[in-house]
Each structure stands twice: as structure tokens, then as C-alpha cells.
Amino acid sequence: IDHDFYVEIINEKYRIVLNNIRFFLINETRALHNKLVLANSIYITNLLEYEQRRLYQDEALGHCTNIVVELQYLIRKFKGLVNVNKYSDLIDILENEQSRIKGWSQSDIKLKPKQ
């Protein structure tokens, strides 16, 4: 097999994989934003609203985790081909966001109506 042809196949494979990862990350980021907006739009006045807000917060945490895992995969799979520092910084930001969501969720406990 011609070397240039082999390199072209490998580059095309990486391009496809990177596009799939990019598409996944965009969708997860949109979903994360959506869940945070939904959770923030609920003013807790009863138990059902508390539980719904908590559910949206939990779903947002799940989206954060999905994004972090995918970025870690990207770093591992394409080390040397992607800017590791850039993605490591994004992971740090997302882990900070997870901590904030958890803190928000914990602070909501005092708003939880008594049954």
C-alpha cells in the first residue's frame, strides 16, 4: 500500500472520530445548559417543585460527567494531536461546575417543604 494513501486513510479516520466527538460534546453542552435553565426556572413552593428541580440538577450533573469523560477520552486517544492543556482546562472548569451544582442542590434542602 502506498504510504500517502495509508496516511490519508488514517487522517480521514481521525477526522470522522473527531467530528463525532465534537457533535457529542455540542449536544451534551446544549443539554447541560437546558437542564440548568430548567432547574433555575423553578421557584420551590411545594415538594413536587423541589423534586423536579432536584431532578434537573441531577441530570445537569450527568451531562457534566459525560462531557468530562469524553474530553478525557479525547486527550487519551489523540495525545499529541490535540492541545492537552486546552482540554485539561475545560475539564477543570466542568469539575468546578459540578461542585457548584452540588452546592446549589445542597442549599435547596433548606427550601424543601415539610410534608
Protein backbone atom coordinates (compact mmCIF):
# COMPACT_ATOMS: atom_id res chain seq x y z
CA ILE A 1 0.00 0.00 0.00
CA ASP A 2 1.24 3.46 -0.90
CA HIS A 3 2.36 5.38 2.22
CA ASP A 4 0.46 8.56 1.26
CA PHE A 5 -2.71 6.55 0.72
CA TYR A 6 -2.31 4.94 4.17
CA VAL A 7 -1.77 8.33 5.83
CA GLU A 8 -4.85 9.68 4.04
CA ILE A 9 -6.98 6.80 5.37
CA ILE A 10 -5.70 7.35 8.92
CA ASN A 11 -6.31 11.12 8.70
CA GLU A 12 -9.84 10.52 7.41
CA LYS A 13 -10.50 8.09 10.26
CA TYR A 14 -9.32 10.65 12.83
CA ARG A 15 -11.36 13.38 11.16
CA ILE A 16 -14.51 11.26 11.37
CA VAL A 17 -13.87 10.32 15.01
CA LEU A 18 -13.13 13.94 15.96
CA ASN A 19 -16.29 15.13 14.21
CA ASN A 20 -18.33 12.53 16.10
CA ILE A 21 -16.77 13.64 19.40
CA ARG A 22 -17.39 17.28 18.54
CA PHE A 23 -21.05 16.54 17.72
CA PHE A 24 -21.45 14.63 21.01
CA LEU A 25 -19.84 17.45 23.03
CA ILE A 26 -22.04 20.09 21.42
CA ASN A 27 -25.19 18.09 22.16
CA GLU A 28 -24.15 17.37 25.75
CA THR A 29 -23.30 21.03 26.33
CA ARG A 30 -26.71 22.09 25.00
CA ALA A 31 -28.43 19.53 27.20
CA LEU A 32 -26.41 20.70 30.23
CA HIS A 33 -27.40 24.31 29.60
CA ASN A 34 -31.04 23.31 29.10
CA LYS A 35 -31.19 21.39 32.40
CA LEU A 36 -29.58 24.26 34.31
CA VAL A 37 -32.06 26.75 32.84
CA LEU A 38 -34.98 24.46 33.67
CA ALA A 39 -33.77 23.90 37.22
CA ASN A 40 -33.20 27.60 37.74
CA SER A 41 -36.66 28.47 36.42
CA ILE A 42 -38.37 26.58 39.25
CA TYR A 43 -39.19 28.54 42.38
CA ILE A 44 -39.74 25.95 45.09
CA THR A 45 -43.10 26.26 46.81
CA ASN A 46 -44.01 22.59 47.20
CA LEU A 47 -42.45 19.14 47.32
CA LEU A 48 -43.16 18.38 43.66
CA GLU A 49 -41.29 21.52 42.55
CA TYR A 50 -38.40 20.64 44.85
CA GLU A 51 -38.18 17.13 43.38
CA GLN A 52 -38.43 18.41 39.79
CA ARG A 53 -35.68 20.97 40.38
CA ARG A 54 -33.53 18.30 42.01
CA LEU A 55 -34.09 16.02 39.01
CA TYR A 56 -32.94 18.74 36.60
CA GLN A 57 -29.88 19.39 38.77
CA ASP A 58 -29.05 15.67 38.79
CA GLU A 59 -29.45 15.49 35.02
CA ALA A 60 -27.15 18.51 34.64
CA LEU A 61 -24.55 16.70 36.76
CA GLY A 62 -24.87 13.69 34.46
CA HIS A 63 -24.26 15.84 31.39
CA CYS A 64 -21.18 17.38 33.07
CA THR A 65 -19.85 13.89 33.77
CA ASN A 66 -20.48 12.80 30.17
CA ILE A 67 -18.58 15.81 28.84
CA VAL A 68 -15.64 15.27 31.23
CA VAL A 69 -15.39 11.58 30.31
CA GLU A 70 -15.47 12.39 26.59
CA LEU A 71 -12.78 15.07 26.96
CA GLN A 72 -10.60 12.64 28.91
CA TYR A 73 -11.07 10.09 26.11
CA LEU A 74 -10.14 12.75 23.55
CA ILE A 75 -6.94 13.57 25.43
CA ARG A 76 -6.01 9.89 25.77
CA LYS A 77 -6.88 8.89 22.21
CA PHE A 78 -5.39 11.92 20.42
CA LYS A 79 -2.47 12.84 22.65
CA GLY A 80 -0.01 14.76 20.54
CA LEU A 81 -2.70 15.69 18.03
CA VAL A 82 -4.79 17.95 20.29
CA ASN A 83 -3.91 20.70 22.75
CA VAL A 84 -3.93 18.75 26.04
CA ASN A 85 -3.76 21.93 28.15
CA LYS A 86 -6.86 23.34 26.50
CA TYR A 87 -8.90 20.23 27.21
CA SER A 88 -7.47 19.83 30.71
CA ASP A 89 -8.58 23.40 31.46
CA LEU A 90 -12.07 22.57 30.21
CA ILE A 91 -12.18 19.51 32.45
CA ASP A 92 -11.20 21.67 35.44
CA ILE A 93 -13.96 24.15 34.59
CA LEU A 94 -16.53 21.38 34.30
CA GLU A 95 -15.46 19.79 37.57
CA ASN A 96 -15.83 23.21 39.22
CA GLU A 97 -19.31 23.46 37.66
CA GLN A 98 -20.19 20.06 39.11
CA SER A 99 -19.17 21.28 42.56
CA ARG A 100 -21.34 24.38 42.14
CA ILE A 101 -24.35 22.33 41.06
CA LYS A 102 -23.89 20.01 44.03
CA GLY A 103 -23.66 23.01 46.36
CA TRP A 104 -26.78 24.50 44.81
CA SER A 105 -28.60 21.22 45.26
CA GLN A 106 -27.50 21.01 48.91
CA SER A 107 -28.62 24.59 49.55
CA ASP A 108 -32.06 23.72 48.18
CA ILE A 109 -32.57 21.27 51.05
CA LYS A 110 -33.43 24.18 53.34
CA LEU A 111 -36.13 25.22 50.81
CA LYS A 112 -37.65 21.74 50.76
CA PRO A 113 -41.22 21.96 52.07
CA LYS A 114 -42.13 19.79 55.03
CA GLN A 115 -44.64 17.07 54.29
